[in-house]
Amino acid sequence: MYRSIYEGTLELSSGREVEIYAAIDLAEALLRQSKYSEAKKFLIPRIREATRFCGPDATLTLELRYHYAAVLFFDENGTMADQRKAITTLRNICQIAEPRSRRAKPRISNASSDDLARLRLELFRGDLGFWEKAVAVGDGSPARTRTHARALRAPG
C-alpha cells in the first residue's frame, strides 16, 4: 500500500516535499516488515534527493537518515560495524537537530516545524540511548544486540 502511495505521488508530481513524506512512510513500512535490504536500496537515493532538495540539515532529510540508521542497526545480516555506523549516524542526526530544538517554544496548538523538530530530537535521543545500551548488552554479537534492542523498543 505504501509503495503504491509513493509511486502515485511520483506520477502525480505532487511536489518534492510530498514525495519525501511518502518515502518516509514507505521506509517505515519496510522496516516494520523487516525488509532491510529493500529499505536500504530504497533509502540511499531518497536521502540524496532530500539532501539536494531540502538540504542536509532539514528535518525530512534527517528523518530519512534516521530510517537508514535503523535499517543498519536492525538488519539481520548486519554486522557490529553496521550497528556502530548506525549509532554514529544517529549521534550526528541529534547534533544537527539540537540547535533547531533549542529555538522551539512549546505551543498549545498548531505545532510549528521547530516544535516537530524538538519532538523528533526527543525520539532520536531515546533511540540512541536504547541502541547504545543494546550494543553494550550484546557484548559483540549483532544478533544479541538486535534481540535486546527489540525487547527495549521496536524501530520507528
C-alpha atoms as a PDB file:
ATOM      1  CA  MET A   1       0.000   0.000   0.000  1.00  0.00           C
ATOM      2  CA  TYR A   2       2.750   2.478   0.942  1.00  0.00           C
ATOM      3  CA  ARG A   3       4.632   1.615  -2.241  1.00  0.00           C
ATOM      4  CA  SER A   4       1.513   2.440  -4.283  1.00  0.00           C
ATOM      5  CA  ILE A   5       1.098   5.732  -2.466  1.00  0.00           C
ATOM      6  CA  TYR A   6       4.751   6.599  -3.033  1.00  0.00           C
ATOM      7  CA  GLU A   7       4.565   5.710  -6.728  1.00  0.00           C
ATOM      8  CA  GLY A   8       1.327   7.683  -7.027  1.00  0.00           C
ATOM      9  CA  THR A   9       2.957  10.808  -5.630  1.00  0.00           C
ATOM     10  CA  LEU A  10       5.721  10.466  -8.226  1.00  0.00           C
ATOM     11  CA  GLU A  11       3.211  10.072 -11.058  1.00  0.00           C
ATOM     12  CA  LEU A  12       1.071  12.994  -9.939  1.00  0.00           C
ATOM     13  CA  SER A  13       4.071  15.275  -9.410  1.00  0.00           C
ATOM     14  CA  SER A  14       2.583  16.358  -6.096  1.00  0.00           C
ATOM     15  CA  GLY A  15       5.784  18.139  -5.177  1.00  0.00           C
ATOM     16  CA  ARG A  16       9.092  17.088  -3.698  1.00  0.00           C
ATOM     17  CA  GLU A  17       8.025  17.515  -0.085  1.00  0.00           C
ATOM     18  CA  VAL A  18       5.024  15.227  -0.550  1.00  0.00           C
ATOM     19  CA  GLU A  19       7.271  12.673  -2.271  1.00  0.00           C
ATOM     20  CA  ILE A  20       9.683  12.740   0.679  1.00  0.00           C
ATOM     21  CA  TYR A  21       6.856  12.241   3.188  1.00  0.00           C
ATOM     22  CA  ALA A  22       5.623   9.282   1.123  1.00  0.00           C
ATOM     23  CA  ALA A  23       9.194   7.911   1.030  1.00  0.00           C
ATOM     24  CA  ILE A  24       9.399   8.159   4.818  1.00  0.00           C
ATOM     25  CA  ASP A  25       6.108   6.264   5.158  1.00  0.00           C
ATOM     26  CA  LEU A  26       7.323   3.547   2.782  1.00  0.00           C
ATOM     27  CA  ALA A  27      10.658   3.267   4.634  1.00  0.00           C
ATOM     28  CA  GLU A  28       8.800   2.850   7.942  1.00  0.00           C
ATOM     29  CA  ALA A  29       6.618   0.132   6.406  1.00  0.00           C
ATOM     30  CA  LEU A  30       9.653  -1.723   5.046  1.00  0.00           C
ATOM     31  CA  LEU A  31      11.306  -1.529   8.478  1.00  0.00           C
ATOM     32  CA  ARG A  32       8.204  -2.880  10.227  1.00  0.00           C
ATOM     33  CA  GLN A  33       8.162  -5.776   7.764  1.00  0.00           C
ATOM     34  CA  SER A  34      11.905  -6.435   8.293  1.00  0.00           C
ATOM     35  CA  LYS A  35      12.639  -5.841   4.599  1.00  0.00           C
ATOM     36  CA  TYR A  36      16.025  -4.335   5.389  1.00  0.00           C
ATOM     37  CA  SER A  37      17.790  -4.964   2.090  1.00  0.00           C
ATOM     38  CA  GLU A  38      14.918  -3.416   0.156  1.00  0.00           C
ATOM     39  CA  ALA A  39      14.723  -0.487   2.582  1.00  0.00           C
ATOM     40  CA  LYS A  40      18.455   0.183   2.265  1.00  0.00           C
ATOM     41  CA  LYS A  41      18.304   0.216  -1.558  1.00  0.00           C
ATOM     42  CA  PHE A  42      15.258   2.479  -1.428  1.00  0.00           C
ATOM     43  CA  LEU A  43      16.611   4.941   1.148  1.00  0.00           C
ATOM     44  CA  ILE A  44      20.063   5.700  -0.265  1.00  0.00           C
ATOM     45  CA  PRO A  45      18.818   7.591  -3.362  1.00  0.00           C
ATOM     46  CA  ARG A  46      15.966   9.199  -1.395  1.00  0.00           C
ATOM     47  CA  ILE A  47      18.476  10.622   1.112  1.00  0.00           C
ATOM     48  CA  ARG A  48      20.497  12.093  -1.763  1.00  0.00           C
ATOM     49  CA  GLU A  49      17.341  13.612  -3.287  1.00  0.00           C
ATOM     50  CA  ALA A  50      16.186  15.072   0.035  1.00  0.00           C
ATOM     51  CA  THR A  51      19.650  16.497   0.662  1.00  0.00           C
ATOM     52  CA  ARG A  52      19.595  18.235  -2.733  1.00  0.00           C
ATOM     53  CA  PHE A  53      16.011  19.459  -2.402  1.00  0.00           C
ATOM     54  CA  CYS A  54      15.757  20.325   1.320  1.00  0.00           C
ATOM     55  CA  GLY A  55      19.376  20.492   2.450  1.00  0.00           C
ATOM     56  CA  PRO A  56      21.416  18.193   4.680  1.00  0.00           C
ATOM     57  CA  ASP A  57      20.078  19.668   7.921  1.00  0.00           C
ATOM     58  CA  ALA A  58      16.374  19.630   7.009  1.00  0.00           C
ATOM     59  CA  THR A  59      14.017  17.625   9.202  1.00  0.00           C
ATOM     60  CA  LEU A  60      12.876  15.495   6.240  1.00  0.00           C
ATOM     61  CA  THR A  61      16.471  14.629   5.344  1.00  0.00           C
ATOM     62  CA  LEU A  62      17.197  13.757   8.972  1.00  0.00           C
ATOM     63  CA  GLU A  63      14.095  11.532   9.053  1.00  0.00           C
ATOM     64  CA  LEU A  64      15.315   9.570   6.043  1.00  0.00           C
ATOM     65  CA  ARG A  65      18.800   9.277   7.555  1.00  0.00           C
ATOM     66  CA  TYR A  66      17.246   8.042  10.820  1.00  0.00           C
ATOM     67  CA  HIS A  67      15.404   5.292   8.967  1.00  0.00           C
ATOM     68  CA  TYR A  68      18.601   4.326   7.164  1.00  0.00           C
ATOM     69  CA  ALA A  69      20.371   4.094  10.537  1.00  0.00           C
ATOM     70  CA  ALA A  70      17.556   1.872  11.816  1.00  0.00           C
ATOM     71  CA  VAL A  71      17.987  -0.385   8.785  1.00  0.00           C
ATOM     72  CA  LEU A  72      21.707  -0.683   9.508  1.00  0.00           C
ATOM     73  CA  PHE A  73      21.057  -1.384  13.171  1.00  0.00           C
ATOM     74  CA  PHE A  74      18.296  -3.976  12.832  1.00  0.00           C
ATOM     75  CA  ASP A  75      19.294  -5.740   9.581  1.00  0.00           C
ATOM     76  CA  GLU A  76      19.513  -9.474  10.295  1.00  0.00           C
ATOM     77  CA  ASN A  77      22.590  -9.679   8.064  1.00  0.00           C
ATOM     78  CA  GLY A  78      24.192  -6.627   9.650  1.00  0.00           C
ATOM     79  CA  THR A  79      27.490  -6.596  11.493  1.00  0.00           C
ATOM     80  CA  MET A  80      28.727  -4.819  14.599  1.00  0.00           C
ATOM     81  CA  ALA A  81      30.342  -2.311  12.229  1.00  0.00           C
ATOM     82  CA  ASP A  82      26.893  -1.617  10.749  1.00  0.00           C
ATOM     83  CA  GLN A  83      25.461  -1.138  14.228  1.00  0.00           C
ATOM     84  CA  ARG A  84      28.299   1.225  15.167  1.00  0.00           C
ATOM     85  CA  LYS A  85      27.716   3.168  11.933  1.00  0.00           C
ATOM     86  CA  ALA A  86      24.001   3.389  12.798  1.00  0.00           C
ATOM     87  CA  ILE A  87      24.817   4.786  16.248  1.00  0.00           C
ATOM     88  CA  THR A  88      27.314   7.268  14.788  1.00  0.00           C
ATOM     89  CA  THR A  89      24.721   8.359  12.231  1.00  0.00           C
ATOM     90  CA  LEU A  90      22.093   8.809  14.928  1.00  0.00           C
ATOM     91  CA  ARG A  91      24.516  10.827  17.097  1.00  0.00           C
ATOM     92  CA  ASN A  92      25.200  13.050  14.090  1.00  0.00           C
ATOM     93  CA  ILE A  93      21.468  13.485  13.480  1.00  0.00           C
ATOM     94  CA  CYS A  94      20.997  14.519  17.124  1.00  0.00           C
ATOM     95  CA  GLN A  95      23.823  17.072  16.848  1.00  0.00           C
ATOM     96  CA  ILE A  96      22.249  18.585  13.741  1.00  0.00           C
ATOM     97  CA  ALA A  97      18.743  18.633  15.255  1.00  0.00           C
ATOM     98  CA  GLU A  98      19.838  20.116  18.609  1.00  0.00           C
ATOM     99  CA  PRO A  99      20.095  23.825  17.594  1.00  0.00           C
ATOM    100  CA  ARG A 100      16.659  23.740  15.954  1.00  0.00           C
ATOM    101  CA  SER A 101      15.229  22.105  19.056  1.00  0.00           C
ATOM    102  CA  ARG A 102      16.569  24.887  21.291  1.00  0.00           C
ATOM    103  CA  ARG A 103      14.772  27.500  19.199  1.00  0.00           C
ATOM    104  CA  ALA A 104      11.468  25.709  19.615  1.00  0.00           C
ATOM    105  CA  LYS A 105       8.973  27.182  22.019  1.00  0.00           C
ATOM    106  CA  PRO A 106       6.223  24.864  23.258  1.00  0.00           C
ATOM    107  CA  ARG A 107       2.858  25.729  21.717  1.00  0.00           C
ATOM    108  CA  ILE A 108      -0.625  24.692  22.735  1.00  0.00           C
ATOM    109  CA  SER A 109      -1.843  24.112  19.178  1.00  0.00           C
ATOM    110  CA  ASN A 110      -0.680  24.383  15.581  1.00  0.00           C
ATOM    111  CA  ALA A 111       2.713  22.795  16.080  1.00  0.00           C
ATOM    112  CA  SER A 112       5.433  24.571  14.118  1.00  0.00           C
ATOM    113  CA  SER A 113       8.260  22.848  12.310  1.00  0.00           C
ATOM    114  CA  ASP A 114      10.515  23.793  15.256  1.00  0.00           C
ATOM    115  CA  ASP A 115       8.094  22.049  17.645  1.00  0.00           C
ATOM    116  CA  LEU A 116       8.171  18.974  15.431  1.00  0.00           C
ATOM    117  CA  ALA A 117      11.971  19.137  15.312  1.00  0.00           C
ATOM    118  CA  ARG A 118      12.037  19.183  19.126  1.00  0.00           C
ATOM    119  CA  LEU A 119       9.767  16.135  19.324  1.00  0.00           C
ATOM    120  CA  ARG A 120      11.799  14.266  16.712  1.00  0.00           C
ATOM    121  CA  LEU A 121      15.004  15.073  18.606  1.00  0.00           C
ATOM    122  CA  GLU A 122      13.486  13.505  21.728  1.00  0.00           C
ATOM    123  CA  LEU A 123      12.705  10.341  19.733  1.00  0.00           C
ATOM    124  CA  PHE A 124      16.184  10.291  18.181  1.00  0.00           C
ATOM    125  CA  ARG A 125      17.853  10.696  21.574  1.00  0.00           C
ATOM    126  CA  GLY A 126      15.667   7.991  23.087  1.00  0.00           C
ATOM    127  CA  ASP A 127      16.528   5.544  20.317  1.00  0.00           C
ATOM    128  CA  LEU A 128      20.210   6.452  20.580  1.00  0.00           C
ATOM    129  CA  GLY A 129      20.139   5.531  24.260  1.00  0.00           C
ATOM    130  CA  PHE A 130      18.336   2.259  23.519  1.00  0.00           C
ATOM    131  CA  TRP A 131      20.751   1.336  20.745  1.00  0.00           C
ATOM    132  CA  GLU A 132      23.841   2.159  22.806  1.00  0.00           C
ATOM    133  CA  LYS A 133      22.527   0.100  25.716  1.00  0.00           C
ATOM    134  CA  ALA A 134      21.686  -2.799  23.405  1.00  0.00           C
ATOM    135  CA  VAL A 135      25.219  -2.773  21.958  1.00  0.00           C
ATOM    136  CA  ALA A 136      26.681  -2.827  25.460  1.00  0.00           C
ATOM    137  CA  VAL A 137      24.473  -5.757  26.476  1.00  0.00           C
ATOM    138  CA  GLY A 138      25.048  -7.543  23.132  1.00  0.00           C
ATOM    139  CA  ASP A 139      28.741  -7.836  24.001  1.00  0.00           C
ATOM    140  CA  GLY A 140      29.989  -8.015  20.417  1.00  0.00           C
ATOM    141  CA  SER A 141      27.150 -10.091  18.986  1.00  0.00           C
ATOM    142  CA  PRO A 142      24.980  -8.253  16.453  1.00  0.00           C
ATOM    143  CA  ALA A 143      22.206 -10.838  16.901  1.00  0.00           C
ATOM    144  CA  ARG A 144      22.153 -10.411  20.710  1.00  0.00           C
ATOM    145  CA  THR A 145      22.253  -6.639  20.263  1.00  0.00           C
ATOM    146  CA  ARG A 146      19.249  -6.688  17.898  1.00  0.00           C
ATOM    147  CA  THR A 147      17.327  -9.013  20.203  1.00  0.00           C
ATOM    148  CA  HIS A 148      17.964  -6.787  23.197  1.00  0.00           C
ATOM    149  CA  ALA A 149      17.107  -3.622  21.262  1.00  0.00           C
ATOM    150  CA  ARG A 150      13.808  -5.114  20.078  1.00  0.00           C
ATOM    151  CA  ALA A 151      12.974  -6.038  23.662  1.00  0.00           C
ATOM    152  CA  LEU A 152      13.623  -2.434  24.690  1.00  0.00           C
ATOM    153  CA  ARG A 153      11.869  -0.763  21.782  1.00  0.00           C
ATOM    154  CA  ALA A 154      10.944  -1.609  18.234  1.00  0.00           C
ATOM    155  CA  PRO A 155      12.355   0.602  15.447  1.00  0.00           C
ATOM    156  CA  GLY A 156      10.438   3.546  14.063  1.00  0.00           C
END
